Protein backbone atom coordinates (compact mmCIF):
# COMPACT_ATOMS: atom_id res chain seq x y z
CA MET A 1 -21.01 -2.88 28.83
CA MET A 2 -19.47 0.11 27.59
CA ASN A 3 -20.42 1.97 24.41
CA GLN A 4 -17.66 3.10 22.05
CA THR A 5 -18.60 6.89 22.43
CA LEU A 6 -17.57 6.50 26.27
CA LEU A 7 -14.26 4.96 25.23
CA MET A 8 -11.46 7.40 25.30
CA GLU A 9 -8.42 5.25 23.99
CA PHE A 10 -7.13 1.92 23.00
CA SER A 11 -3.82 0.12 23.73
CA LEU A 12 -1.87 -0.90 20.79
CA MET A 13 0.17 -4.14 21.29
CA GLY A 14 3.78 -3.96 21.65
CA PHE A 15 6.23 -6.26 19.76
CA THR A 16 7.85 -7.05 23.19
CA GLU A 17 7.92 -6.03 26.84
CA SER A 18 11.84 -5.88 26.80
CA GLN A 19 13.20 -2.61 26.90
CA MET A 20 16.35 -3.46 25.06
CA LEU A 21 14.24 -5.21 22.35
CA LEU A 22 12.02 -2.20 22.16
CA ARG A 23 14.97 0.02 21.35
CA LEU A 24 15.87 -2.51 18.79
CA HIS A 25 12.46 -2.22 17.21
CA THR A 26 12.51 1.55 17.24
CA VAL A 27 15.99 1.22 15.29
CA VAL A 28 14.90 -1.17 12.97
CA PHE A 29 11.38 0.47 12.19
CA SER A 30 12.99 4.01 12.13
CA LEU A 31 15.45 2.82 9.44
CA ILE A 32 12.68 0.86 7.30
CA TYR A 33 10.51 4.07 7.46
CA LEU A 34 13.49 6.42 6.52
CA VAL A 35 14.48 4.18 3.74
CA ALA A 36 10.69 3.79 2.41
CA MET A 37 10.62 7.62 2.57
CA MET A 38 13.63 8.28 0.62
CA GLU A 39 12.70 6.01 -2.07
CA ASN A 40 9.19 7.01 -2.65
CA LEU A 41 10.21 10.80 -2.61
CA ILE A 42 12.93 10.21 -4.93
CA VAL A 43 10.65 8.42 -7.42
CA ILE A 44 7.94 11.18 -7.09
CA LEU A 45 10.78 14.00 -7.59
CA LEU A 46 12.41 12.22 -10.45
CA THR A 47 8.85 11.55 -12.28
CA VAL A 48 8.05 15.23 -11.86
CA LEU A 49 11.21 16.98 -12.78
CA ASP A 50 12.24 14.67 -15.61
CA GLN A 51 10.12 15.40 -18.89
CA ARG A 52 11.05 11.89 -20.20
CA LEU A 53 9.34 10.41 -17.17
CA HIS A 54 5.85 12.12 -17.90
CA SER A 55 4.47 9.09 -19.97
CA PRO A 56 1.54 7.29 -18.24
CA MET A 57 3.32 4.31 -16.83
CA TYR A 58 5.36 6.79 -14.60
CA PHE A 59 2.20 8.99 -14.14
CA PHE A 60 0.95 5.90 -12.16
CA LEU A 61 4.19 5.03 -10.60
CA ARG A 62 4.39 8.48 -9.10
CA HIS A 63 0.87 8.26 -7.65
CA LEU A 64 1.60 4.68 -6.40
CA SER A 65 4.74 6.00 -4.51
CA PHE A 66 2.74 8.78 -2.99
CA VAL A 67 0.14 6.20 -1.76
CA ASP A 68 2.90 4.09 -0.35
CA LEU A 69 4.50 6.97 1.40
CA CYS A 70 1.03 7.82 3.02
CA LEU A 71 0.22 4.22 3.59
CA ILE A 72 3.52 3.65 5.81
CA SER A 73 3.40 7.04 7.37
CA ALA A 74 -0.15 6.06 8.80
CA THR A 75 1.25 3.08 10.69
CA LEU A 76 5.17 3.09 11.66
CA PRO A 77 5.36 6.55 13.13
CA LYS A 78 2.81 5.90 15.89
CA SER A 79 4.61 2.39 16.37
CA ILE A 80 7.82 4.03 16.59
CA LEU A 81 6.81 6.76 19.04
CA ASN A 82 5.32 4.25 21.32
CA SER A 83 8.29 2.29 21.33
CA ILE A 84 10.52 5.40 22.20
CA THR A 85 8.03 6.57 24.93
CA PHE A 86 7.40 3.08 26.35
CA SER A 87 3.49 3.63 25.81
CA HIS A 88 0.88 1.75 23.60
CA PHE A 89 -1.76 4.33 23.84
CA ILE A 90 -3.75 5.52 20.98
CA SER A 91 -6.94 7.97 21.34
CA PHE A 92 -10.18 6.80 20.04
CA LEU A 93 -10.27 9.51 17.34
CA GLY A 94 -6.74 8.59 16.44
CA CYS A 95 -7.72 5.00 15.96
CA VAL A 96 -10.53 5.93 13.88
CA LEU A 97 -8.29 8.06 11.59
CA GLN A 98 -5.60 5.59 11.41
CA LEU A 99 -8.07 2.84 10.35
CA PHE A 100 -9.66 4.96 7.91
CA CYS A 101 -6.37 5.98 6.16
CA VAL A 102 -5.21 2.37 5.87
CA VAL A 103 -8.20 1.27 4.47
CA LEU A 104 -8.40 4.41 2.22
CA LEU A 105 -4.73 4.03 0.91
CA SER A 106 -4.93 0.08 0.59
CA GLY A 107 -8.18 0.36 -1.52
CA SER A 108 -6.26 3.12 -3.59
CA GLU A 109 -3.29 1.06 -4.05
CA ILE A 110 -5.24 -1.77 -5.50
CA GLY A 111 -6.96 0.55 -7.79
CA ILE A 112 -3.52 2.02 -8.88
CA LEU A 113 -2.17 -1.48 -9.59
CA THR A 114 -5.04 -2.43 -11.65
CA ALA A 115 -4.68 0.61 -13.72
CA MET A 116 -1.06 -0.03 -14.27
CA SER A 117 -2.01 -3.61 -15.54
CA TYR A 118 -4.27 -1.81 -18.04
CA ASP A 119 -1.72 0.35 -19.11
CA ARG A 120 0.74 -2.41 -19.72
CA TYR A 121 -1.85 -4.22 -21.62
CA ILE A 122 -2.37 -1.42 -24.01
CA ALA A 123 1.41 -0.65 -24.36
CA ILE A 124 2.23 -4.18 -25.39
CA CYS A 125 -1.01 -5.49 -26.85
CA HIS A 126 -2.11 -2.13 -28.71
CA PRO A 127 1.35 -0.10 -29.08
CA LEU A 128 -0.07 1.85 -32.07
CA HIS A 129 -3.14 2.95 -30.11
CA TYR A 130 -1.26 3.65 -26.92
CA GLU A 131 -1.02 7.42 -27.11
CA GLY A 132 -4.62 7.58 -28.17
CA VAL A 133 -6.07 5.34 -25.48
CA MET A 134 -4.03 6.26 -22.53
CA SER A 135 -4.39 9.89 -22.76
CA LYS A 136 -4.00 12.31 -19.93
CA GLY A 137 -7.48 12.33 -19.35
CA VAL A 138 -7.92 8.75 -19.16
CA CYS A 139 -5.16 8.50 -16.96
CA VAL A 140 -6.86 11.20 -14.43
CA GLN A 141 -10.08 9.43 -14.58
CA LEU A 142 -8.23 5.98 -13.64
CA MET A 143 -6.59 7.75 -10.82
CA THR A 144 -9.63 9.56 -9.63
CA ILE A 145 -11.82 6.13 -9.62
CA SER A 146 -8.96 4.51 -7.45
CA TRP A 147 -8.91 7.19 -4.94
CA LEU A 148 -12.77 7.36 -4.71
CA ASN A 149 -12.93 3.47 -4.33
CA GLY A 150 -10.42 3.51 -1.71
CA GLY A 151 -12.27 6.78 0.13
CA VAL A 152 -15.59 4.80 -0.12
CA LEU A 153 -14.07 1.76 1.38
CA GLY A 154 -12.42 3.81 4.04
CA ILE A 155 -15.77 5.52 5.01
CA LEU A 156 -17.59 1.97 5.26
CA TYR A 157 -14.91 0.12 7.12
CA SER A 158 -14.28 2.81 9.71
CA SER A 159 -17.95 3.82 10.25
CA GLY A 160 -19.00 -0.06 10.23
CA THR A 161 -16.31 -0.84 12.63
CA PHE A 162 -16.77 2.00 15.27
CA SER A 163 -20.70 1.41 15.10
CA LEU A 164 -20.05 -1.68 17.26
CA ASN A 165 -19.92 -1.85 20.80
CA PHE A 166 -16.62 -2.18 22.74
CA CYS A 167 -16.29 -3.55 26.23
CA GLY A 168 -13.94 -5.07 28.53
CA SER A 169 -10.23 -5.14 27.22
CA THR A 170 -9.27 -2.03 25.13
CA LYS A 171 -5.90 -3.79 24.07
CA ILE A 172 -5.77 -4.13 20.28
CA HIS A 173 -3.54 -7.34 19.55
CA GLN A 174 -1.99 -5.34 16.52
CA PHE A 175 0.52 -2.47 16.16
CA PHE A 176 -1.91 -0.40 14.44
CA CYS A 177 -5.73 -0.05 14.53
CA ASP A 178 -6.93 -2.81 12.10
CA VAL A 179 -10.55 -4.01 11.46
CA PRO A 180 -9.85 -7.85 12.62
CA ALA A 181 -7.92 -6.75 15.62
CA LEU A 182 -10.77 -4.20 16.50
CA LEU A 183 -13.61 -6.98 16.20
CA LYS A 184 -11.92 -9.03 18.77
CA LEU A 185 -12.56 -6.17 21.27
CA SER A 186 -16.34 -5.82 20.22
CA CYS A 187 -19.05 -7.19 22.46
CA SER A 188 -21.71 -6.63 19.71
CA THR A 189 -23.66 -9.93 18.77
CA GLU A 190 -24.62 -8.51 15.45
CA TYR A 191 -21.86 -8.10 12.90
CA ALA A 192 -24.13 -7.28 9.80
CA THR A 193 -22.75 -3.87 8.97
CA ILE A 194 -19.08 -4.87 8.98
CA ASN A 195 -19.90 -8.13 7.09
CA VAL A 196 -21.44 -6.13 4.33
CA CYS A 197 -18.45 -3.89 4.20
CA VAL A 198 -15.96 -6.95 4.11
CA ALA A 199 -18.11 -8.28 1.48
CA ILE A 200 -18.09 -5.18 -0.60
CA GLY A 201 -14.01 -4.90 -0.07
CA VAL A 202 -13.80 -8.44 -1.26
CA CYS A 203 -15.76 -7.85 -4.27
CA TYR A 204 -13.81 -4.90 -5.27
CA ALA A 205 -10.26 -6.64 -4.65
CA PHE A 206 -11.51 -9.75 -6.64
CA SER A 207 -12.80 -7.60 -9.60
CA CYS A 208 -9.50 -5.75 -9.54
CA LEU A 209 -7.74 -9.21 -9.56
CA VAL A 210 -9.70 -10.51 -12.22
CA CYS A 211 -8.98 -7.46 -14.53
CA ILE A 212 -5.35 -7.88 -13.78
CA VAL A 213 -5.41 -11.53 -14.78
CA ILE A 214 -7.19 -10.84 -17.88
CA SER A 215 -4.66 -8.32 -18.86
CA TYR A 216 -1.83 -10.36 -18.03
CA VAL A 217 -2.96 -13.36 -20.18
CA TYR A 218 -3.57 -11.14 -22.92
CA ILE A 219 -0.01 -9.62 -22.47
CA PHE A 220 1.84 -13.09 -22.06
CA THR A 221 0.02 -14.36 -25.12
CA THR A 222 1.19 -11.33 -27.16
CA VAL A 223 4.71 -11.46 -25.68
CA LEU A 224 5.22 -15.21 -26.47
CA LYS A 225 4.51 -14.17 -30.15
CA ILE A 226 7.35 -12.00 -30.23
CA PRO A 227 10.17 -13.53 -32.50
CA THR A 228 13.38 -12.18 -30.48
CA ARG A 229 14.21 -13.34 -27.28
CA GLN A 230 15.53 -10.06 -26.21
CA LYS A 231 12.20 -8.17 -26.87
CA GLN A 232 10.46 -11.15 -25.03
CA SER A 233 12.70 -10.75 -21.93
CA ARG A 234 12.50 -7.01 -21.83
CA ALA A 235 8.45 -7.28 -21.76
CA PHE A 236 8.67 -9.96 -19.11
CA SER A 237 11.03 -7.74 -17.06
CA THR A 238 8.66 -4.83 -17.04
CA CYS A 239 5.58 -7.21 -16.27
CA LEU A 240 6.91 -9.77 -13.65
CA PRO A 241 7.70 -7.07 -10.91
CA HIS A 242 4.22 -5.86 -11.13
CA LEU A 243 2.54 -9.36 -10.95
CA ILE A 244 4.88 -9.94 -7.68
CA VAL A 245 3.67 -6.73 -5.94
CA VAL A 246 0.11 -7.39 -6.83
CA SER A 247 0.15 -11.13 -5.64
CA ALA A 248 1.98 -10.46 -2.47
CA PHE A 249 -0.40 -7.41 -1.55
CA LEU A 250 -3.60 -8.95 -2.37
CA LEU A 251 -2.54 -12.36 -0.71
CA THR A 252 -1.55 -10.92 2.55
CA GLY A 253 -4.57 -8.46 2.74
CA ALA A 254 -6.80 -11.63 2.06
CA ILE A 255 -5.12 -13.59 4.72
CA ALA A 256 -5.70 -10.74 7.31
CA TYR A 257 -9.27 -10.00 6.70
CA LEU A 258 -10.71 -13.43 5.63
CA LYS A 259 -9.04 -15.65 8.05
CA PRO A 260 -11.30 -16.52 11.24
CA VAL A 261 -10.83 -14.25 14.18
CA SER A 262 -9.10 -15.87 17.02
CA ASP A 263 -9.17 -14.92 20.65
CA GLU A 264 -5.42 -15.27 21.29
CA PRO A 265 -2.92 -13.14 19.17
CA SER A 266 -0.44 -14.71 16.80
CA LEU A 267 2.73 -14.02 15.22
CA LEU A 268 1.29 -14.78 11.82
CA ASP A 269 -1.30 -12.04 12.46
CA LEU A 270 1.62 -9.63 13.33
CA PHE A 271 3.74 -10.88 10.24
CA VAL A 272 0.70 -10.60 7.81
CA SER A 273 -0.03 -7.01 9.05
CA VAL A 274 3.69 -5.92 8.69
CA PHE A 275 3.91 -7.52 5.39
CA TYR A 276 0.97 -5.63 3.74
CA SER A 277 1.32 -2.58 5.35
CA VAL A 278 5.18 -1.97 5.52
CA VAL A 279 6.91 -4.23 2.96
CA PRO A 280 5.06 -2.96 -0.13
CA PRO A 281 5.82 0.65 0.43
CA THR A 282 9.47 -0.25 1.03
CA LEU A 283 9.81 -2.59 -1.85
CA ASN A 284 7.82 -1.26 -4.51
CA PRO A 285 10.15 1.60 -5.63
CA VAL A 286 12.92 -1.04 -6.08
CA ILE A 287 10.84 -3.45 -7.85
CA TYR A 288 9.66 -1.12 -10.31
CA CYS A 289 12.68 1.30 -10.71
CA LEU A 290 15.74 -1.40 -10.42
CA ARG A 291 15.45 -2.22 -14.16
CA SER A 292 14.24 1.07 -15.49
CA LYS A 293 16.99 2.88 -17.54
CA ASP A 294 14.80 5.95 -17.76
CA ILE A 295 14.78 6.21 -13.94
CA LYS A 296 18.43 5.25 -13.63
CA SER A 297 19.33 7.93 -16.44
CA ALA A 298 17.22 10.63 -14.67
CA LEU A 299 18.80 9.96 -11.17
CA GLY A 300 22.21 10.02 -12.71
CA LYS A 301 21.64 13.46 -14.24
CA ILE A 302 20.61 14.75 -10.94
CA LEU A 303 23.35 13.34 -9.17
CA SER A 304 25.63 14.74 -11.60
CA LYS A 305 24.11 18.18 -11.23
CA VAL A 306 24.63 18.08 -7.63
CA LYS A 307 28.25 16.86 -7.82
CA ARG A 308 28.94 19.79 -10.41
CA SER A 309 27.24 22.44 -8.09
CA GLY A 310 29.30 21.16 -5.27
CA ILE A 311 32.46 21.18 -7.01
CA MET A 312 31.76 24.96 -8.31
CA GLU A 313 31.00 25.94 -4.89
CA ARG A 314 34.41 24.75 -3.66
């Protein structure tokens, strides 16, 4: 038996033992990381620089992009570095910090997605009261609550997980430090603390889901009453992407944390973890900005300015 205070490092699971496939993994993950970084940085810069994008909707979108940027940075760089160096080790403190960041950012993202659904509900169902209800102060409060909830969950999950005893194998069957994978390494017989933490997390995610579902029931009821098909399709085009993101994020997170812990690693575990930690940060900017005329217009303006400055220098 070895207490976690004596444990100096863990070993993260590699995707493959083949050096050629590890190089391929490095290239693929590096491209995904660079694309996600570029997409989210563009959204953040556009929503900061363009005055037309200072509405509550883009305020939440900017913070969502920042959270996604941090979330993918908490997992992929370490995995890429391990593939380059053919090493799978992560220090004990590094594992604690990584777990804390992943839970903090995931919890904050759920809160932001809930705030975005409330923003769409007010914009579509109560357009005349939109500016009064979604004031700058209210937006800041909703964002602060999201970050605080994520921080509380991060502290609970990291302290609860690492209060357990670890013995025997130190190989985590995951490409980053995650609660279900770490529980497999624990030799503790009592899981009361972490069970309470998971229950709190489930209640938080479920309450957010209920708020989102209620918001969209009212939204779709209002949209269906709109007489013109063009306005209906415009309203649906802004709401459906949000529902897709929320559903995918919560579903994969629920599968990862609520399914029974198995002794043997599976490809399903790896796929689910990649999906909720890597896919949303990469696809969110595309899903939310692909049909936004304001975002396209702001990006076009910046690109034209860059082009003109390049011509003038010549």
